[in-house]
PDB file of N, CA and C in Angstrom:
ATOM      1  N   MET A   1     -18.000 -15.194 -18.960  1.00  0.00           N
ATOM      2  CA  MET A   1     -17.105 -15.337 -16.598  1.00  0.00           C
ATOM      3  C   MET A   1     -19.043 -14.802 -16.119  1.00  0.00           C
ATOM      4  N   ASP A   2     -19.254 -15.234 -14.990  1.00  0.00           N
ATOM      5  CA  ASP A   2     -20.366 -14.789 -14.426  1.00  0.00           C
ATOM      6  C   ASP A   2     -19.415 -13.372 -13.118  1.00  0.00           C
ATOM      7  N   PRO A   3     -20.728 -12.971 -13.380  1.00  0.00           N
ATOM      8  CA  PRO A   3     -19.999 -11.725 -12.129  1.00  0.00           C
ATOM      9  C   PRO A   3     -19.201 -11.206 -11.283  1.00  0.00           C
ATOM     10  N   GLY A   4     -19.685 -12.592 -11.074  1.00  0.00           N
ATOM     11  CA  GLY A   4     -18.496 -12.417  -9.767  1.00  0.00           C
ATOM     12  C   GLY A   4     -17.159 -13.260  -9.818  1.00  0.00           C
ATOM     13  N   THR A   5     -17.526 -13.711 -10.935  1.00  0.00           N
ATOM     14  CA  THR A   5     -16.039 -13.823 -11.344  1.00  0.00           C
ATOM     15  C   THR A   5     -15.448 -12.601 -11.876  1.00  0.00           C
ATOM     16  N   VAL A   6     -15.897 -11.698 -12.911  1.00  0.00           N
ATOM     17  CA  VAL A   6     -15.365 -10.473 -13.095  1.00  0.00           C
ATOM     18  C   VAL A   6     -15.267  -8.850 -12.245  1.00  0.00           C
ATOM     19  N   GLY A   7     -15.736  -9.900 -11.305  1.00  0.00           N
ATOM     20  CA  GLY A   7     -15.399  -8.135  -9.412  1.00  0.00           C
ATOM     21  C   GLY A   7     -14.494  -9.251  -9.267  1.00  0.00           C
ATOM     22  N   LEU A   8     -14.152 -10.318  -8.778  1.00  0.00           N
ATOM     23  CA  LEU A   8     -12.719 -10.626  -7.733  1.00  0.00           C
ATOM     24  C   LEU A   8     -11.351 -10.643  -8.929  1.00  0.00           C
ATOM     25  N   VAL A   9     -12.007 -10.527 -10.926  1.00  0.00           N
ATOM     26  CA  VAL A   9     -10.267 -10.102 -10.887  1.00  0.00           C
ATOM     27  C   VAL A   9      -9.850  -8.979 -11.286  1.00  0.00           C
ATOM     28  N   GLY A  10     -11.526  -7.649 -11.492  1.00  0.00           N
ATOM     29  CA  GLY A  10     -11.216  -6.480 -11.073  1.00  0.00           C
ATOM     30  C   GLY A  10     -10.830  -6.398  -9.686  1.00  0.00           C
ATOM     31  N   ARG A  11     -11.082  -6.704  -9.362  1.00  0.00           N
ATOM     32  CA  ARG A  11     -10.033  -6.491  -7.040  1.00  0.00           C
ATOM     33  C   ARG A  11      -9.263  -6.986  -7.346  1.00  0.00           C
ATOM     34  N   ILE A  12      -8.510  -8.055  -7.616  1.00  0.00           N
ATOM     35  CA  ILE A  12      -7.039  -8.235  -7.309  1.00  0.00           C
ATOM     36  C   ILE A  12      -6.830  -7.626  -8.608  1.00  0.00           C
ATOM     37  N   VAL A  13      -6.933  -7.185  -9.451  1.00  0.00           N
ATOM     38  CA  VAL A  13      -5.916  -6.202 -10.889  1.00  0.00           C
ATOM     39  C   VAL A  13      -6.069  -4.778 -10.450  1.00  0.00           C
ATOM     40  N   GLY A  14      -7.017  -4.669  -9.597  1.00  0.00           N
ATOM     41  CA  GLY A  14      -7.409  -3.023  -9.473  1.00  0.00           C
ATOM     42  C   GLY A  14      -6.075  -2.587  -8.338  1.00  0.00           C
ATOM     43  N   SER A  15      -6.207  -4.269  -7.614  1.00  0.00           N
ATOM     44  CA  SER A  15      -5.350  -3.588  -6.100  1.00  0.00           C
ATOM     45  C   SER A  15      -3.870  -3.879  -7.253  1.00  0.00           C
ATOM     46  N   ALA A  16      -3.278  -5.014  -7.899  1.00  0.00           N
ATOM     47  CA  ALA A  16      -1.847  -5.432  -7.633  1.00  0.00           C
ATOM     48  C   ALA A  16      -1.280  -3.423  -8.535  1.00  0.00           C
ATOM     49  N   ILE A  17      -2.076  -2.900  -9.707  1.00  0.00           N
ATOM     50  CA  ILE A  17      -1.668  -2.235  -9.739  1.00  0.00           C
ATOM     51  C   ILE A  17      -2.170  -0.861  -9.167  1.00  0.00           C
ATOM     52  N   GLY A  18      -2.797  -1.078  -7.958  1.00  0.00           N
ATOM     53  CA  GLY A  18      -2.889   0.086  -7.262  1.00  0.00           C
ATOM     54  C   GLY A  18      -1.152   0.401  -6.838  1.00  0.00           C
ATOM     55  N   VAL A  19      -1.320  -0.973  -6.131  1.00  0.00           N
ATOM     56  CA  VAL A  19       0.401  -0.721  -4.680  1.00  0.00           C
ATOM     57  C   VAL A  19       2.012  -0.861  -5.770  1.00  0.00           C
ATOM     58  N   PHE A  20       1.825  -1.703  -7.059  1.00  0.00           N
ATOM     59  CA  PHE A  20       3.003  -1.545  -7.881  1.00  0.00           C
ATOM     60  C   PHE A  20       2.801   0.169  -8.572  1.00  0.00           C
ATOM     61  N   GLY A  21       1.500   1.263  -7.833  1.00  0.00           N
ATOM     62  CA  GLY A  21       1.839   2.623  -8.627  1.00  0.00           C
ATOM     63  C   GLY A  21       2.256   2.969  -6.804  1.00  0.00           C
ATOM     64  N   ALA A  22       1.966   2.410  -6.062  1.00  0.00           N
ATOM     65  CA  ALA A  22       2.743   2.782  -4.634  1.00  0.00           C
ATOM     66  C   ALA A  22       4.283   2.509  -4.387  1.00  0.00           C
ATOM     67  N   PHE A  23       4.824   1.407  -5.031  1.00  0.00           N
ATOM     68  CA  PHE A  23       5.900   1.353  -5.511  1.00  0.00           C
ATOM     69  C   PHE A  23       6.188   1.862  -6.313  1.00  0.00           C
ATOM     70  N   ILE A  24       6.012   2.883  -7.001  1.00  0.00           N
ATOM     71  CA  ILE A  24       7.484   3.632  -8.134  1.00  0.00           C
ATOM     72  C   ILE A  24       6.367   5.067  -8.172  1.00  0.00           C
ATOM     73  N   GLY A  25       6.310   4.815  -7.042  1.00  0.00           N
ATOM     74  CA  GLY A  25       6.314   6.244  -6.216  1.00  0.00           C
ATOM     75  C   GLY A  25       7.120   6.757  -5.126  1.00  0.00           C
ATOM     76  N   THR A  26       6.667   5.740  -4.750  1.00  0.00           N
ATOM     77  CA  THR A  26       8.322   5.566  -3.624  1.00  0.00           C
ATOM     78  C   THR A  26       9.606   5.736  -4.100  1.00  0.00           C
ATOM     79  N   TYR A  27       9.924   5.050  -5.391  1.00  0.00           N
ATOM     80  CA  TYR A  27      10.804   5.147  -5.572  1.00  0.00           C
ATOM     81  C   TYR A  27      11.604   6.339  -6.418  1.00  0.00           C
ATOM     82  N   PHE A  28      10.481   6.431  -6.708  1.00  0.00           N
ATOM     83  CA  PHE A  28      10.690   7.903  -7.697  1.00  0.00           C
ATOM     84  C   PHE A  28      11.444   9.093  -6.467  1.00  0.00           C
ATOM     85  N   SER A  29      10.267   9.435  -5.320  1.00  0.00           N
ATOM     86  CA  SER A  29      10.458  10.112  -3.984  1.00  0.00           C
ATOM     87  C   SER A  29      11.256  10.247  -3.317  1.00  0.00           C
ATOM     88  N   ILE A  30      11.918   8.896  -3.361  1.00  0.00           N
ATOM     89  CA  ILE A  30      13.738   8.702  -2.928  1.00  0.00           C
ATOM     90  C   ILE A  30      14.335   9.083  -4.193  1.00  0.00           C
ATOM     91  N   LYS A  31      14.123   8.553  -5.373  1.00  0.00           N
ATOM     92  CA  LYS A  31      15.284   8.424  -6.255  1.00  0.00           C
ATOM     93  C   LYS A  31      15.289  10.717  -6.682  1.00  0.00           C
ATOM     94  N   SER A  32      14.408  11.232  -5.620  1.00  0.00           N
ATOM     95  CA  SER A  32      14.291  12.702  -6.169  1.00  0.00           C
ATOM     96  C   SER A  32      15.069  13.647  -5.446  1.00  0.00           C
ATOM     97  N   THR A  33      14.899  13.161  -4.227  1.00  0.00           N
ATOM     98  CA  THR A  33      15.874  14.259  -3.136  1.00  0.00           C
ATOM     99  C   THR A  33      17.512  14.067  -3.997  1.00  0.00           C
ATOM    100  N   ARG A  34      17.669  15.216  -2.964  1.00  0.00           N
ATOM    101  CA  ARG A  34      18.740  16.061  -3.663  1.00  0.00           C
ATOM    102  C   ARG A  34      19.780  16.136  -2.578  1.00  0.00           C
ATOM    103  N   THR A  35      19.718  15.565  -1.424  1.00  0.00           N
ATOM    104  CA  THR A  35      20.771  15.687  -0.073  1.00  0.00           C
ATOM    105  C   THR A  35      20.928  14.975   0.876  1.00  0.00           C
ATOM    106  N   PHE A  36      21.490  14.197   1.191  1.00  0.00           N
ATOM    107  CA  PHE A  36      21.819  12.902   1.877  1.00  0.00           C
ATOM    108  C   PHE A  36      20.311  13.568   3.363  1.00  0.00           C
ATOM    109  N   VAL A  37      19.874  14.362   3.858  1.00  0.00           N
ATOM    110  CA  VAL A  37      18.987  14.131   4.724  1.00  0.00           C
ATOM    111  C   VAL A  37      17.724  14.410   4.868  1.00  0.00           C
ATOM    112  N   GLU A  38      17.809  15.181   2.778  1.00  0.00           N
ATOM    113  CA  GLU A  38      16.136  14.934   2.517  1.00  0.00           C
ATOM    114  C   GLU A  38      15.929  13.848   2.637  1.00  0.00           C
ATOM    115  N   ARG A  39      16.976  12.667   2.042  1.00  0.00           N
ATOM    116  CA  ARG A  39      16.484  11.500   1.420  1.00  0.00           C
ATOM    117  C   ARG A  39      15.945  10.624   2.758  1.00  0.00           C
ATOM    118  N   ARG A  40      17.107  10.435   4.216  1.00  0.00           N
ATOM    119  CA  ARG A  40      16.540  10.097   4.849  1.00  0.00           C
ATOM    120  C   ARG A  40      14.944  10.513   5.404  1.00  0.00           C
ATOM    121  N   PHE A  41      14.914  11.603   5.274  1.00  0.00           N
ATOM    122  CA  PHE A  41      13.543  12.046   5.793  1.00  0.00           C
ATOM    123  C   PHE A  41      12.761  11.249   4.726  1.00  0.00           C
ATOM    124  N   VAL A  42      12.244  11.490   3.580  1.00  0.00           N
ATOM    125  CA  VAL A  42      11.936  10.794   2.870  1.00  0.00           C
ATOM    126  C   VAL A  42      11.468   9.304   2.974  1.00  0.00           C
ATOM    127  N   VAL A  43      12.497   8.367   3.244  1.00  0.00           N
ATOM    128  CA  VAL A  43      12.671   6.978   3.699  1.00  0.00           C
ATOM    129  C   VAL A  43      11.455   6.898   4.928  1.00  0.00           C
ATOM    130  N   LYS A  44      12.041   8.098   5.763  1.00  0.00           N
ATOM    131  CA  LYS A  44      11.396   7.586   6.603  1.00  0.00           C
ATOM    132  C   LYS A  44       9.985   7.751   6.828  1.00  0.00           C
ATOM    133  N   CYS A  45       9.750   8.949   6.155  1.00  0.00           N
ATOM    134  CA  CYS A  45       8.344   9.824   6.088  1.00  0.00           C
ATOM    135  C   CYS A  45       7.731   8.281   5.106  1.00  0.00           C
ATOM    136  N   ALA A  46       7.898   7.552   4.423  1.00  0.00           N
ATOM    137  CA  ALA A  46       7.937   6.267   3.012  1.00  0.00           C
ATOM    138  C   ALA A  46       7.659   5.200   3.803  1.00  0.00           C
ATOM    139  N   ILE A  47       8.495   4.826   5.283  1.00  0.00           N
ATOM    140  CA  ILE A  47       8.814   4.122   5.879  1.00  0.00           C
ATOM    141  C   ILE A  47       6.949   3.826   6.744  1.00  0.00           C
ATOM    142  N   GLY A  48       7.001   5.263   7.501  1.00  0.00           N
ATOM    143  CA  GLY A  48       5.680   5.413   8.481  1.00  0.00           C
ATOM    144  C   GLY A  48       4.124   5.100   7.532  1.00  0.00           C
ATOM    145  N   MET A  49       5.025   5.423   6.244  1.00  0.00           N
ATOM    146  CA  MET A  49       3.277   5.624   5.486  1.00  0.00           C
ATOM    147  C   MET A  49       2.814   4.014   5.164  1.00  0.00           C
ATOM    148  N   TRP A  50       3.740   3.218   4.395  1.00  0.00           N
ATOM    149  CA  TRP A  50       3.424   2.001   3.978  1.00  0.00           C
ATOM    150  C   TRP A  50       3.180   0.629   5.063  1.00  0.00           C
ATOM    151  N   VAL A  51       3.536   1.497   6.907  1.00  0.00           N
ATOM    152  CA  VAL A  51       3.236   0.637   8.021  1.00  0.00           C
ATOM    153  C   VAL A  51       2.091   0.651   8.199  1.00  0.00           C
ATOM    154  N   SER A  52       1.713   2.051   7.617  1.00  0.00           N
ATOM    155  CA  SER A  52       0.325   2.459   8.238  1.00  0.00           C
ATOM    156  C   SER A  52      -0.274   2.498   7.566  1.00  0.00           C
ATOM    157  N   GLY A  53      -0.259   1.829   5.971  1.00  0.00           N
ATOM    158  CA  GLY A  53      -1.409   1.719   5.492  1.00  0.00           C
ATOM    159  C   GLY A  53      -1.710   0.223   4.958  1.00  0.00           C
ATOM    160  N   ILE A  54       0.028  -0.583   5.715  1.00  0.00           N
ATOM    161  CA  ILE A  54      -1.309  -2.366   5.579  1.00  0.00           C
ATOM    162  C   ILE A  54      -1.913  -2.498   7.238  1.00  0.00           C
ATOM    163  N   LEU A  55      -1.179  -1.362   8.094  1.00  0.00           N
ATOM    164  CA  LEU A  55      -2.366  -2.085   9.432  1.00  0.00           C
ATOM    165  C   LEU A  55      -3.863  -1.305   9.120  1.00  0.00           C
ATOM    166  N   LEU A  56      -4.034  -0.186   8.562  1.00  0.00           N
ATOM    167  CA  LEU A  56      -4.991  -0.059   8.185  1.00  0.00           C
ATOM    168  C   LEU A  56      -6.166  -1.527   7.363  1.00  0.00           C
ATOM    169  N   MET A  57      -5.580  -1.947   6.581  1.00  0.00           N
ATOM    170  CA  MET A  57      -6.055  -3.205   5.734  1.00  0.00           C
ATOM    171  C   MET A  57      -5.296  -4.578   6.828  1.00  0.00           C
ATOM    172  N   VAL A  58      -4.382  -3.971   7.533  1.00  0.00           N
ATOM    173  CA  VAL A  58      -4.640  -6.308   8.088  1.00  0.00           C
ATOM    174  C   VAL A  58      -5.623  -6.281   9.571  1.00  0.00           C
ATOM    175  N   LEU A  59      -6.170  -4.501   9.785  1.00  0.00           N
ATOM    176  CA  LEU A  59      -6.096  -4.726  11.139  1.00  0.00           C
ATOM    177  C   LEU A  59      -7.486  -5.153  11.381  1.00  0.00           C
ATOM    178  N   PRO A  60      -8.336  -4.695  10.665  1.00  0.00           N
ATOM    179  CA  PRO A  60      -9.641  -4.766  10.198  1.00  0.00           C
ATOM    180  C   PRO A  60     -10.395  -5.769  10.331  1.00  0.00           C
ATOM    181  N   LEU A  61      -9.813  -6.964   9.054  1.00  0.00           N
ATOM    182  CA  LEU A  61      -9.851  -7.460   8.526  1.00  0.00           C
ATOM    183  C   LEU A  61      -9.177  -8.901   9.734  1.00  0.00           C
ATOM    184  N   ALA A  62      -8.313  -8.567  10.808  1.00  0.00           N
ATOM    185  CA  ALA A  62      -7.958  -9.051  11.599  1.00  0.00           C
ATOM    186  C   ALA A  62      -9.157  -9.365  13.008  1.00  0.00           C
ATOM    187  N   LEU A  63      -9.303  -8.447  13.524  1.00  0.00           N
ATOM    188  CA  LEU A  63     -10.465  -7.979  14.125  1.00  0.00           C
ATOM    189  C   LEU A  63     -11.688  -7.980  13.718  1.00  0.00           C
ATOM    190  N   SER A  64     -12.087  -8.762  12.488  1.00  0.00           N
ATOM    191  CA  SER A  64     -13.414  -9.496  11.805  1.00  0.00           C
ATOM    192  C   SER A  64     -13.000 -10.700  11.789  1.00  0.00           C
ATOM    193  N   LEU A  65     -11.609 -10.869  11.809  1.00  0.00           N
ATOM    194  CA  LEU A  65     -12.094 -12.676  11.860  1.00  0.00           C
ATOM    195  C   LEU A  65     -11.160 -12.996  13.314  1.00  0.00           C
ATOM    196  N   ILE A  66     -10.937 -12.005  14.768  1.00  0.00           N
ATOM    197  CA  ILE A  66     -11.467 -13.376  15.806  1.00  0.00           C
ATOM    198  C   ILE A  66     -12.307 -12.496  16.380  1.00  0.00           C
ATOM    199  N   GLY A  67     -13.631 -11.712  15.567  1.00  0.00           N
ATOM    200  CA  GLY A  67     -15.205 -11.200  16.333  1.00  0.00           C
ATOM    201  C   GLY A  67     -15.446 -10.506  16.884  1.00  0.00           C
ATOM    202  N   VAL A  68     -14.806 -10.225  17.439  1.00  0.00           N
ATOM    203  CA  VAL A  68     -14.746  -8.238  17.860  1.00  0.00           C
ATOM    204  C   VAL A  68     -15.436  -7.361  17.036  1.00  0.00           C
ATOM    205  N   ILE A  69     -15.194  -7.348  15.894  1.00  0.00           N
ATOM    206  CA  ILE A  69     -16.376  -5.948  15.399  1.00  0.00           C
ATOM    207  C   ILE A  69     -16.934  -7.127  13.827  1.00  0.00           C
TER     208      ILE A  69
END
């Protein structure tokens, strides 16, 4: 394989492993809570982190595609 293909495969596999790890971390963080109030807080924080992480990836891409940056 040429170096470009190896790099592309590495980026895809690395990203997939990272997202899978984030899912596992979120699941076990929610599962390890003790009370309902604590669980609700952890779920709210997890949703906030997932939304902010997705926005930090999508927003620069969208801005570059429309020519702002």
